[in-house]
Amino acid sequence: MAASAPDTELKARIMDFVGRASTEITPSHASLLPQLGAVLHTGSAVYVDHPPRATLGQVVQAALAVQRSGFRATPHIAARRIPNAQTLRMALAELHAGNVQQILLVAGDVEHPAGEFASTLDILESGILERSGITGIGVAGHPEGNKSVGPMLLWDALQIKQRFAERTGISMHIVSQFGLNAAAMGPWQKEVSQHGVRLPIHVGIAGPAPLSALIRFAIQCGIGASARTLMRKLSAAGSVADLATTPDRHLLALLAAPPPEQIVAPHFFAFGGSLETARWMRMLAAGEFDIDRGAGRLRLTT
């Protein structure tokens, strides 16, 4: 049976949106770059995560390998893990020498700072980035809040970051934290706009991953309502059907109508499944799927 007009439009919307997606690898998965090169388009943004056991040097070397492979490397720079300003300068200089032009600036998930940078704002205020040659910065957004920072401080921080971008001419965008509530993005984007923040939003979505991995990362990331709701349901042996535990549900909810212009692309968190996530992205961008609205699924056709 031929797809209905609404499904045809939705499919085209999904293909276009996923065609602009970014994803990620960890430093230990840099060996997968030749395989990723056969799946992802040249010039695709590939972020390099900074997991707890990796050093900043390993992140830098992985980012250089990503860039050499024809992708747009975007390494995580975690403020609270940097021991001193000179270490940051050297890392950024090495990235710039390797033609890496974009970073994702995050606070880092350690309780105590390793050095003088306790937050991303400390790095922005240091003046180091303006002299680094970096031309693009991603910053974090939190549709479901942050376990460590109150909502007003989060809004203030985004406004300060936007003013930094305007003052320096460095391009800046928001990468939102992943969640399990597909309905959270719409209201949050409206709040972003209401607070005068006009930065482009890259919607963070967990790529295809087992529920056990989502639970683990939800707890580690402290993603507010999603983590609490999920744990309540599991402890009660209840259903998790109303939570968006697949990227399909997020895409269907987000793209049921054309998204606001501020939402420009998705970023798919791979959670160690970089190649699997990249292959799934390629199939969606190529239209190799059917829409099953009733099940909230995108059924791959090849």
C-alpha atoms as a PDB file:
ATOM      1  CA  MET A   1       0.000   0.000   0.000  1.00  0.00           C
ATOM      2  CA  ALA A   2       1.328   3.440  -0.889  1.00  0.00           C
ATOM      3  CA  ALA A   3       2.339   5.658   1.997  1.00  0.00           C
ATOM      4  CA  SER A   4      -0.081   8.401   2.904  1.00  0.00           C
ATOM      5  CA  ALA A   5       0.880  11.985   2.170  1.00  0.00           C
ATOM      6  CA  PRO A   6       1.582  12.769   5.849  1.00  0.00           C
ATOM      7  CA  ASP A   7       3.878   9.733   6.111  1.00  0.00           C
ATOM      8  CA  THR A   8       5.626  10.745   2.904  1.00  0.00           C
ATOM      9  CA  GLU A   9       6.244  14.218   4.282  1.00  0.00           C
ATOM     10  CA  LEU A  10       7.398  12.861   7.625  1.00  0.00           C
ATOM     11  CA  LYS A  11       9.786  10.440   5.953  1.00  0.00           C
ATOM     12  CA  ALA A  12      11.311  13.232   3.880  1.00  0.00           C
ATOM     13  CA  ARG A  13      11.658  15.331   7.022  1.00  0.00           C
ATOM     14  CA  ILE A  14      13.447  12.498   8.859  1.00  0.00           C
ATOM     15  CA  MET A  15      15.785  11.858   5.926  1.00  0.00           C
ATOM     16  CA  ASP A  16      16.752  15.518   5.701  1.00  0.00           C
ATOM     17  CA  PHE A  17      17.198  15.919   9.462  1.00  0.00           C
ATOM     18  CA  VAL A  18      19.286  12.769   9.964  1.00  0.00           C
ATOM     19  CA  GLY A  19      21.318  13.700   6.891  1.00  0.00           C
ATOM     20  CA  ARG A  20      22.657  16.628   8.938  1.00  0.00           C
ATOM     21  CA  ALA A  21      23.434  14.541  12.020  1.00  0.00           C
ATOM     22  CA  SER A  22      26.621  14.213  14.014  1.00  0.00           C
ATOM     23  CA  THR A  23      27.720  11.301  16.164  1.00  0.00           C
ATOM     24  CA  GLU A  24      30.665  10.377  18.371  1.00  0.00           C
ATOM     25  CA  ILE A  25      33.475   7.966  19.131  1.00  0.00           C
ATOM     26  CA  THR A  26      35.637   7.395  22.174  1.00  0.00           C
ATOM     27  CA  PRO A  27      39.453   7.528  21.945  1.00  0.00           C
ATOM     28  CA  SER A  28      39.616   3.750  22.319  1.00  0.00           C
ATOM     29  CA  HIS A  29      37.430   3.340  19.219  1.00  0.00           C
ATOM     30  CA  ALA A  30      39.620   5.374  16.875  1.00  0.00           C
ATOM     31  CA  SER A  31      40.527   2.087  15.161  1.00  0.00           C
ATOM     32  CA  LEU A  32      36.979   2.069  13.751  1.00  0.00           C
ATOM     33  CA  LEU A  33      37.610   5.174  11.632  1.00  0.00           C
ATOM     34  CA  PRO A  34      38.278   3.258   8.378  1.00  0.00           C
ATOM     35  CA  GLN A  35      34.926   1.485   8.789  1.00  0.00           C
ATOM     36  CA  LEU A  36      33.172   4.717   9.706  1.00  0.00           C
ATOM     37  CA  GLY A  37      34.669   6.269   6.581  1.00  0.00           C
ATOM     38  CA  ALA A  38      32.772   3.728   4.511  1.00  0.00           C
ATOM     39  CA  VAL A  39      29.480   4.651   6.209  1.00  0.00           C
ATOM     40  CA  LEU A  40      29.464   8.361   7.034  1.00  0.00           C
ATOM     41  CA  HIS A  41      29.731  11.155   4.494  1.00  0.00           C
ATOM     42  CA  THR A  42      33.020  13.012   4.223  1.00  0.00           C
ATOM     43  CA  GLY A  43      32.820  16.160   6.315  1.00  0.00           C
ATOM     44  CA  SER A  44      30.367  14.721   8.830  1.00  0.00           C
ATOM     45  CA  ALA A  45      30.895  15.997  12.364  1.00  0.00           C
ATOM     46  CA  VAL A  46      32.305  13.256  14.581  1.00  0.00           C
ATOM     47  CA  TYR A  47      32.689  14.194  18.236  1.00  0.00           C
ATOM     48  CA  VAL A  48      35.359  12.611  20.418  1.00  0.00           C
ATOM     49  CA  ASP A  49      34.066  11.839  23.882  1.00  0.00           C
ATOM     50  CA  HIS A  50      36.248  12.168  26.994  1.00  0.00           C
ATOM     51  CA  PRO A  51      35.368   9.092  29.082  1.00  0.00           C
ATOM     52  CA  PRO A  52      36.568   8.847  32.694  1.00  0.00           C
ATOM     53  CA  ARG A  53      39.651   6.718  31.985  1.00  0.00           C
ATOM     54  CA  ALA A  54      40.903   8.693  28.983  1.00  0.00           C
ATOM     55  CA  THR A  55      43.396  11.527  29.172  1.00  0.00           C
ATOM     56  CA  LEU A  56      43.081  14.852  27.392  1.00  0.00           C
ATOM     57  CA  GLY A  57      46.070  13.834  25.283  1.00  0.00           C
ATOM     58  CA  GLN A  58      44.237  10.701  24.114  1.00  0.00           C
ATOM     59  CA  VAL A  59      41.200  12.802  23.210  1.00  0.00           C
ATOM     60  CA  VAL A  60      43.405  15.161  21.196  1.00  0.00           C
ATOM     61  CA  GLN A  61      45.139  12.327  19.334  1.00  0.00           C
ATOM     62  CA  ALA A  62      41.800  10.673  18.530  1.00  0.00           C
ATOM     63  CA  ALA A  63      40.439  14.005  17.260  1.00  0.00           C
ATOM     64  CA  LEU A  64      43.457  14.427  14.976  1.00  0.00           C
ATOM     65  CA  ALA A  65      42.840  10.934  13.610  1.00  0.00           C
ATOM     66  CA  VAL A  66      39.172  11.770  13.035  1.00  0.00           C
ATOM     67  CA  GLN A  67      40.161  14.917  11.124  1.00  0.00           C
ATOM     68  CA  ARG A  68      42.699  13.022   9.000  1.00  0.00           C
ATOM     69  CA  SER A  69      39.957  10.556   8.112  1.00  0.00           C
ATOM     70  CA  GLY A  70      37.965  13.292   6.388  1.00  0.00           C
ATOM     71  CA  PHE A  71      35.505  14.079   9.153  1.00  0.00           C
ATOM     72  CA  ARG A  72      34.974  17.315  11.076  1.00  0.00           C
ATOM     73  CA  ALA A  73      36.473  16.398  14.415  1.00  0.00           C
ATOM     74  CA  THR A  74      34.859  17.889  17.502  1.00  0.00           C
ATOM     75  CA  PRO A  75      36.714  16.836  20.655  1.00  0.00           C
ATOM     76  CA  HIS A  76      35.202  17.225  24.106  1.00  0.00           C
ATOM     77  CA  ILE A  77      37.112  19.709  26.250  1.00  0.00           C
ATOM     78  CA  ALA A  78      36.095  19.020  29.842  1.00  0.00           C
ATOM     79  CA  ALA A  79      36.933  22.053  31.993  1.00  0.00           C
ATOM     80  CA  ARG A  80      37.124  20.287  35.344  1.00  0.00           C
ATOM     81  CA  ARG A  81      39.607  17.686  34.040  1.00  0.00           C
ATOM     82  CA  ILE A  82      42.214  20.203  32.840  1.00  0.00           C
ATOM     83  CA  PRO A  83      45.089  20.623  35.321  1.00  0.00           C
ATOM     84  CA  ASN A  84      46.192  24.105  34.235  1.00  0.00           C
ATOM     85  CA  ALA A  85      45.940  26.775  31.562  1.00  0.00           C
ATOM     86  CA  GLN A  86      49.167  25.717  29.848  1.00  0.00           C
ATOM     87  CA  THR A  87      47.833  22.193  29.311  1.00  0.00           C
ATOM     88  CA  LEU A  88      44.741  23.668  27.671  1.00  0.00           C
ATOM     89  CA  ARG A  89      46.800  25.989  25.467  1.00  0.00           C
ATOM     90  CA  MET A  90      49.006  23.120  24.298  1.00  0.00           C
ATOM     91  CA  ALA A  91      46.026  20.870  23.546  1.00  0.00           C
ATOM     92  CA  LEU A  92      44.277  23.579  21.547  1.00  0.00           C
ATOM     93  CA  ALA A  93      47.490  24.426  19.686  1.00  0.00           C
ATOM     94  CA  GLU A  94      47.922  20.781  18.708  1.00  0.00           C
ATOM     95  CA  LEU A  95      44.319  20.599  17.532  1.00  0.00           C
ATOM     96  CA  HIS A  96      44.687  23.816  15.526  1.00  0.00           C
ATOM     97  CA  ALA A  97      47.885  22.522  13.905  1.00  0.00           C
ATOM     98  CA  GLY A  98      45.952  19.447  12.826  1.00  0.00           C
ATOM     99  CA  ASN A  99      43.170  21.599  11.308  1.00  0.00           C
ATOM    100  CA  VAL A 100      40.648  20.749  14.034  1.00  0.00           C
ATOM    101  CA  GLN A 101      38.512  23.869  14.230  1.00  0.00           C
ATOM    102  CA  GLN A 102      35.611  22.900  16.496  1.00  0.00           C
ATOM    103  CA  ILE A 103      35.323  21.698  20.095  1.00  0.00           C
ATOM    104  CA  LEU A 104      32.537  20.745  22.479  1.00  0.00           C
ATOM    105  CA  LEU A 105      33.138  22.636  25.720  1.00  0.00           C
ATOM    106  CA  VAL A 106      31.657  20.904  28.770  1.00  0.00           C
ATOM    107  CA  ALA A 107      32.163  21.175  32.506  1.00  0.00           C
ATOM    108  CA  GLY A 108      33.140  17.538  33.001  1.00  0.00           C
ATOM    109  CA  ASP A 109      31.649  14.957  35.321  1.00  0.00           C
ATOM    110  CA  VAL A 110      34.192  15.002  38.156  1.00  0.00           C
ATOM    111  CA  GLU A 111      33.282  16.337  41.585  1.00  0.00           C
ATOM    112  CA  HIS A 112      36.467  18.326  42.167  1.00  0.00           C
ATOM    113  CA  PRO A 113      38.292  20.322  39.462  1.00  0.00           C
ATOM    114  CA  ALA A 114      41.768  19.083  38.599  1.00  0.00           C
ATOM    115  CA  GLY A 115      43.005  22.659  38.303  1.00  0.00           C
ATOM    116  CA  GLU A 116      41.901  26.250  37.883  1.00  0.00           C
ATOM    117  CA  PHE A 117      38.864  25.620  35.660  1.00  0.00           C
ATOM    118  CA  ALA A 118      35.739  24.742  37.622  1.00  0.00           C
ATOM    119  CA  SER A 119      33.325  25.465  34.770  1.00  0.00           C
ATOM    120  CA  THR A 120      33.100  26.211  31.077  1.00  0.00           C
ATOM    121  CA  LEU A 121      32.665  29.891  31.940  1.00  0.00           C
ATOM    122  CA  ASP A 122      36.117  29.873  33.567  1.00  0.00           C
ATOM    123  CA  ILE A 123      37.600  28.772  30.231  1.00  0.00           C
ATOM    124  CA  LEU A 124      35.624  31.353  28.276  1.00  0.00           C
ATOM    125  CA  GLU A 125      36.747  34.094  30.662  1.00  0.00           C
ATOM    126  CA  SER A 126      40.414  33.041  30.455  1.00  0.00           C
ATOM    127  CA  GLY A 127      40.856  34.456  26.952  1.00  0.00           C
ATOM    128  CA  ILE A 128      42.562  31.244  25.825  1.00  0.00           C
ATOM    129  CA  LEU A 129      39.953  30.271  23.245  1.00  0.00           C
ATOM    130  CA  GLU A 130      40.093  33.585  21.382  1.00  0.00           C
ATOM    131  CA  ARG A 131      43.824  33.044  20.760  1.00  0.00           C
ATOM    132  CA  SER A 132      43.582  29.328  19.951  1.00  0.00           C
ATOM    133  CA  GLY A 133      42.434  29.406  16.342  1.00  0.00           C
ATOM    134  CA  ILE A 134      39.280  27.475  17.254  1.00  0.00           C
ATOM    135  CA  THR A 135      36.386  28.799  15.156  1.00  0.00           C
ATOM    136  CA  GLY A 136      33.458  26.750  16.479  1.00  0.00           C
ATOM    137  CA  ILE A 137      32.295  25.774  19.952  1.00  0.00           C
ATOM    138  CA  GLY A 138      29.487  23.486  21.057  1.00  0.00           C
ATOM    139  CA  VAL A 139      28.062  24.011  24.550  1.00  0.00           C
ATOM    140  CA  ALA A 140      25.702  21.863  26.575  1.00  0.00           C
ATOM    141  CA  GLY A 141      21.948  22.295  26.907  1.00  0.00           C
ATOM    142  CA  HIS A 142      19.784  20.552  29.493  1.00  0.00           C
ATOM    143  CA  PRO A 143      16.126  20.013  28.496  1.00  0.00           C
ATOM    144  CA  GLU A 144      15.507  18.076  31.714  1.00  0.00           C
ATOM    145  CA  GLY A 145      17.705  20.164  33.967  1.00  0.00           C
ATOM    146  CA  ASN A 146      21.065  19.445  35.529  1.00  0.00           C
ATOM    147  CA  LYS A 147      21.547  17.595  38.802  1.00  0.00           C
ATOM    148  CA  SER A 148      24.300  19.998  39.895  1.00  0.00           C
ATOM    149  CA  VAL A 149      23.095  23.394  38.664  1.00  0.00           C
ATOM    150  CA  GLY A 150      19.811  25.245  39.228  1.00  0.00           C
ATOM    151  CA  PRO A 151      17.672  26.368  36.263  1.00  0.00           C
ATOM    152  CA  MET A 152      18.373  30.091  36.591  1.00  0.00           C
ATOM    153  CA  LEU A 153      22.123  29.488  36.588  1.00  0.00           C
ATOM    154  CA  LEU A 154      21.727  27.352  33.458  1.00  0.00           C
ATOM    155  CA  TRP A 155      19.890  30.153  31.657  1.00  0.00           C
ATOM    156  CA  ASP A 156      22.406  32.733  32.831  1.00  0.00           C
ATOM    157  CA  ALA A 157      25.252  30.551  31.585  1.00  0.00           C
ATOM    158  CA  LEU A 158      23.727  30.169  28.118  1.00  0.00           C
ATOM    159  CA  GLN A 159      23.232  33.922  27.877  1.00  0.00           C
ATOM    160  CA  ILE A 160      26.859  34.538  28.889  1.00  0.00           C
ATOM    161  CA  LYS A 161      28.048  32.012  26.323  1.00  0.00           C
ATOM    162  CA  GLN A 162      25.981  33.666  23.611  1.00  0.00           C
ATOM    163  CA  ARG A 163      27.506  37.042  24.470  1.00  0.00           C
ATOM    164  CA  PHE A 164      30.966  35.457  24.260  1.00  0.00           C
ATOM    165  CA  ALA A 165      30.179  34.203  20.744  1.00  0.00           C
ATOM    166  CA  GLU A 166      28.888  37.611  19.701  1.00  0.00           C
ATOM    167  CA  ARG A 167      31.935  39.386  21.133  1.00  0.00           C
ATOM    168  CA  THR A 168      34.554  37.050  19.677  1.00  0.00           C
ATOM    169  CA  GLY A 169      32.953  36.039  16.400  1.00  0.00           C
ATOM    170  CA  ILE A 170      33.450  32.359  17.272  1.00  0.00           C
ATOM    171  CA  SER A 171      30.538  30.256  16.009  1.00  0.00           C
ATOM    172  CA  MET A 172      28.592  28.578  18.793  1.00  0.00           C
ATOM    173  CA  HIS A 173      25.827  26.001  18.994  1.00  0.00           C
ATOM    174  CA  ILE A 174      24.033  24.060  21.714  1.00  0.00           C
ATOM    175  CA  VAL A 175      24.176  20.264  21.959  1.00  0.00           C
ATOM    176  CA  SER A 176      21.394  19.106  24.249  1.00  0.00           C
ATOM    177  CA  GLN A 177      21.818  16.286  26.738  1.00  0.00           C
ATOM    178  CA  PHE A 178      20.012  13.094  25.757  1.00  0.00           C
ATOM    179  CA  GLY A 179      16.880  12.120  27.635  1.00  0.00           C
ATOM    180  CA  LEU A 180      14.094   9.569  27.696  1.00  0.00           C
ATOM    181  CA  ASN A 181      11.244  12.071  27.479  1.00  0.00           C
ATOM    182  CA  ALA A 182      10.446  12.728  23.831  1.00  0.00           C
ATOM    183  CA  ALA A 183       8.125  15.587  24.787  1.00  0.00           C
ATOM    184  CA  ALA A 184      10.786  17.580  26.632  1.00  0.00           C
ATOM    185  CA  MET A 185      12.507  19.203  23.658  1.00  0.00           C
ATOM    186  CA  GLY A 186       9.629  21.352  22.400  1.00  0.00           C
ATOM    187  CA  PRO A 187       8.914  23.221  25.658  1.00  0.00           C
ATOM    188  CA  TRP A 188      12.626  23.576  26.384  1.00  0.00           C
ATOM    189  CA  GLN A 189      13.342  25.094  22.957  1.00  0.00           C
ATOM    190  CA  LYS A 190      10.595  27.638  23.610  1.00  0.00           C
ATOM    191  CA  GLU A 191      12.209  28.490  26.943  1.00  0.00           C
ATOM    192  CA  VAL A 192      15.562  28.889  25.223  1.00  0.00           C
ATOM    193  CA  SER A 193      13.997  31.401  22.861  1.00  0.00           C
ATOM    194  CA  GLN A 194      12.117  33.183  25.650  1.00  0.00           C
ATOM    195  CA  HIS A 195      15.408  33.706  27.493  1.00  0.00           C
ATOM    196  CA  GLY A 196      16.829  35.426  24.421  1.00  0.00           C
ATOM    197  CA  VAL A 197      19.191  32.613  23.480  1.00  0.00           C
ATOM    198  CA  ARG A 198      19.332  32.314  19.703  1.00  0.00           C
ATOM    199  CA  LEU A 199      22.133  29.754  19.366  1.00  0.00           C
ATOM    200  CA  PRO A 200      21.398  26.859  16.980  1.00  0.00           C
ATOM    201  CA  ILE A 201      20.323  23.683  18.757  1.00  0.00           C
ATOM    202  CA  HIS A 202      21.640  20.221  17.933  1.00  0.00           C
ATOM    203  CA  VAL A 203      19.225  17.816  19.594  1.00  0.00           C
ATOM    204  CA  GLY A 204      21.008  15.149  21.605  1.00  0.00           C
ATOM    205  CA  ILE A 205      19.412  11.735  21.119  1.00  0.00           C
ATOM    206  CA  ALA A 206      20.629   8.353  22.320  1.00  0.00           C
ATOM    207  CA  GLY A 207      21.377   6.207  19.276  1.00  0.00           C
ATOM    208  CA  PRO A 208      20.262   2.573  19.036  1.00  0.00           C
ATOM    209  CA  ALA A 209      21.278   1.034  22.352  1.00  0.00           C
ATOM    210  CA  PRO A 210      20.023  -1.617  24.778  1.00  0.00           C
ATOM    211  CA  LEU A 211      17.770  -0.387  27.570  1.00  0.00           C
ATOM    212  CA  SER A 212      20.408  -1.463  30.101  1.00  0.00           C
ATOM    213  CA  ALA A 213      22.917   0.932  28.518  1.00  0.00           C
ATOM    214  CA  LEU A 214      20.386   3.771  28.553  1.00  0.00           C
ATOM    215  CA  ILE A 215      19.718   3.181  32.243  1.00  0.00           C
ATOM    216  CA  ARG A 216      23.417   3.206  33.036  1.00  0.00           C
ATOM    217  CA  PHE A 217      24.114   6.404  31.130  1.00  0.00           C
ATOM    218  CA  ALA A 218      20.937   8.093  32.389  1.00  0.00           C
ATOM    219  CA  ILE A 219      22.095   7.548  35.959  1.00  0.00           C
ATOM    220  CA  GLN A 220      25.645   8.690  35.191  1.00  0.00           C
ATOM    221  CA  CYS A 221      24.454  11.822  33.405  1.00  0.00           C
ATOM    222  CA  GLY A 222      21.740  12.618  35.943  1.00  0.00           C
ATOM    223  CA  ILE A 223      19.170  13.496  33.305  1.00  0.00           C
ATOM    224  CA  GLY A 224      16.518  14.588  35.745  1.00  0.00           C
ATOM    225  CA  ALA A 225      12.980  13.450  35.087  1.00  0.00           C
ATOM    226  CA  SER A 226      13.962  10.689  32.687  1.00  0.00           C
ATOM    227  CA  ALA A 227      16.227   8.915  35.152  1.00  0.00           C
ATOM    228  CA  ARG A 228      13.814   9.281  38.076  1.00  0.00           C
ATOM    229  CA  THR A 229      10.791   8.131  36.065  1.00  0.00           C
ATOM    230  CA  LEU A 230      12.659   5.203  34.602  1.00  0.00           C
ATOM    231  CA  MET A 231      13.889   3.973  37.959  1.00  0.00           C
ATOM    232  CA  ARG A 232      10.409   4.299  39.516  1.00  0.00           C
ATOM    233  CA  LYS A 233       8.886   2.245  36.735  1.00  0.00           C
ATOM    234  CA  LEU A 234      11.544  -0.427  36.887  1.00  0.00           C
ATOM    235  CA  SER A 235      11.339  -0.693  40.676  1.00  0.00           C
ATOM    236  CA  ALA A 236       7.576  -1.151  40.383  1.00  0.00           C
ATOM    237  CA  ALA A 237       8.005  -3.721  37.598  1.00  0.00           C
ATOM    238  CA  GLY A 238       5.861  -1.436  35.489  1.00  0.00           C
ATOM    239  CA  SER A 239       5.896  -0.604  31.815  1.00  0.00           C
ATOM    240  CA  VAL A 240       8.400   1.774  30.249  1.00  0.00           C
ATOM    241  CA  ALA A 241       6.312   2.049  27.089  1.00  0.00           C
ATOM    242  CA  ASP A 242       5.615   5.744  27.611  1.00  0.00           C
ATOM    243  CA  LEU A 243       9.332   6.578  27.726  1.00  0.00           C
ATOM    244  CA  ALA A 244      11.323   7.212  24.552  1.00  0.00           C
ATOM    245  CA  THR A 245      13.821   4.384  24.864  1.00  0.00           C
ATOM    246  CA  THR A 246      14.595   4.370  21.128  1.00  0.00           C
ATOM    247  CA  PRO A 247      15.814   7.147  18.834  1.00  0.00           C
ATOM    248  CA  ASP A 248      12.851   6.351  16.582  1.00  0.00           C
ATOM    249  CA  ARG A 249      10.415   7.723  19.144  1.00  0.00           C
ATOM    250  CA  HIS A 250      12.411  10.906  19.563  1.00  0.00           C
ATOM    251  CA  LEU A 251      12.535  11.526  15.829  1.00  0.00           C
ATOM    252  CA  LEU A 252       8.836  10.817  15.339  1.00  0.00           C
ATOM    253  CA  ALA A 253       7.875  13.161  18.187  1.00  0.00           C
ATOM    254  CA  LEU A 254      10.301  15.883  17.191  1.00  0.00           C
ATOM    255  CA  LEU A 255       9.477  15.861  13.482  1.00  0.00           C
ATOM    256  CA  ALA A 256       5.717  15.265  13.532  1.00  0.00           C
ATOM    257  CA  ALA A 257       5.560  18.913  12.466  1.00  0.00           C
ATOM    258  CA  PRO A 258       8.395  20.963  10.982  1.00  0.00           C
ATOM    259  CA  PRO A 259      10.688  21.857  13.900  1.00  0.00           C
ATOM    260  CA  PRO A 260      11.545  25.474  14.746  1.00  0.00           C
ATOM    261  CA  GLU A 261      14.402  26.938  12.710  1.00  0.00           C
ATOM    262  CA  GLN A 262      16.543  27.030  15.850  1.00  0.00           C
ATOM    263  CA  ILE A 263      16.620  23.200  15.873  1.00  0.00           C
ATOM    264  CA  VAL A 264      19.061  22.468  13.070  1.00  0.00           C
ATOM    265  CA  ALA A 265      20.285  18.865  13.432  1.00  0.00           C
ATOM    266  CA  PRO A 266      20.444  15.823  15.689  1.00  0.00           C
ATOM    267  CA  HIS A 267      23.488  14.595  17.555  1.00  0.00           C
ATOM    268  CA  PHE A 268      23.382  10.850  18.204  1.00  0.00           C
ATOM    269  CA  PHE A 269      25.152   9.649  21.341  1.00  0.00           C
ATOM    270  CA  ALA A 270      26.680   6.277  20.506  1.00  0.00           C
ATOM    271  CA  PHE A 271      27.416   4.909  24.021  1.00  0.00           C
ATOM    272  CA  GLY A 272      30.245   2.798  22.650  1.00  0.00           C
ATOM    273  CA  GLY A 273      28.291   1.586  19.613  1.00  0.00           C
ATOM    274  CA  SER A 274      29.827   4.038  17.146  1.00  0.00           C
ATOM    275  CA  LEU A 275      29.716   1.839  14.069  1.00  0.00           C
ATOM    276  CA  GLU A 276      26.207   0.535  14.740  1.00  0.00           C
ATOM    277  CA  THR A 277      24.937   4.075  15.277  1.00  0.00           C
ATOM    278  CA  ALA A 278      26.619   5.327  12.093  1.00  0.00           C
ATOM    279  CA  ARG A 279      25.121   2.505  10.012  1.00  0.00           C
ATOM    280  CA  TRP A 280      21.663   3.245  11.416  1.00  0.00           C
ATOM    281  CA  MET A 281      22.107   6.947  10.614  1.00  0.00           C
ATOM    282  CA  ARG A 282      23.132   6.138   7.035  1.00  0.00           C
ATOM    283  CA  MET A 283      20.065   3.982   6.453  1.00  0.00           C
ATOM    284  CA  LEU A 284      17.710   6.662   7.745  1.00  0.00           C
ATOM    285  CA  ALA A 285      19.363   9.399   5.704  1.00  0.00           C
ATOM    286  CA  ALA A 286      19.063   7.172   2.625  1.00  0.00           C
ATOM    287  CA  GLY A 287      15.355   6.538   3.242  1.00  0.00           C
ATOM    288  CA  GLU A 288      15.819   2.824   3.859  1.00  0.00           C
ATOM    289  CA  PHE A 289      12.991   2.633   6.378  1.00  0.00           C
ATOM    290  CA  ASP A 290       9.218   2.593   6.736  1.00  0.00           C
ATOM    291  CA  ILE A 291       7.222   4.443   9.384  1.00  0.00           C
ATOM    292  CA  ASP A 292       5.140   2.439  11.834  1.00  0.00           C
ATOM    293  CA  ARG A 293       3.296   5.156  13.729  1.00  0.00           C
ATOM    294  CA  GLY A 294       1.289   2.727  15.840  1.00  0.00           C
ATOM    295  CA  ALA A 295       4.420   1.102  17.253  1.00  0.00           C
ATOM    296  CA  GLY A 296       6.404   4.317  17.311  1.00  0.00           C
ATOM    297  CA  ARG A 297       9.028   2.672  15.132  1.00  0.00           C
ATOM    298  CA  LEU A 298      11.073   3.254  12.021  1.00  0.00           C
ATOM    299  CA  ARG A 299      11.418  -0.167  10.432  1.00  0.00           C
ATOM    300  CA  LEU A 300      14.603  -0.560   8.415  1.00  0.00           C
ATOM    301  CA  THR A 301      13.931  -2.040   4.988  1.00  0.00           C
ATOM    302  CA  THR A 302      17.345  -3.491   4.091  1.00  0.00           C
END
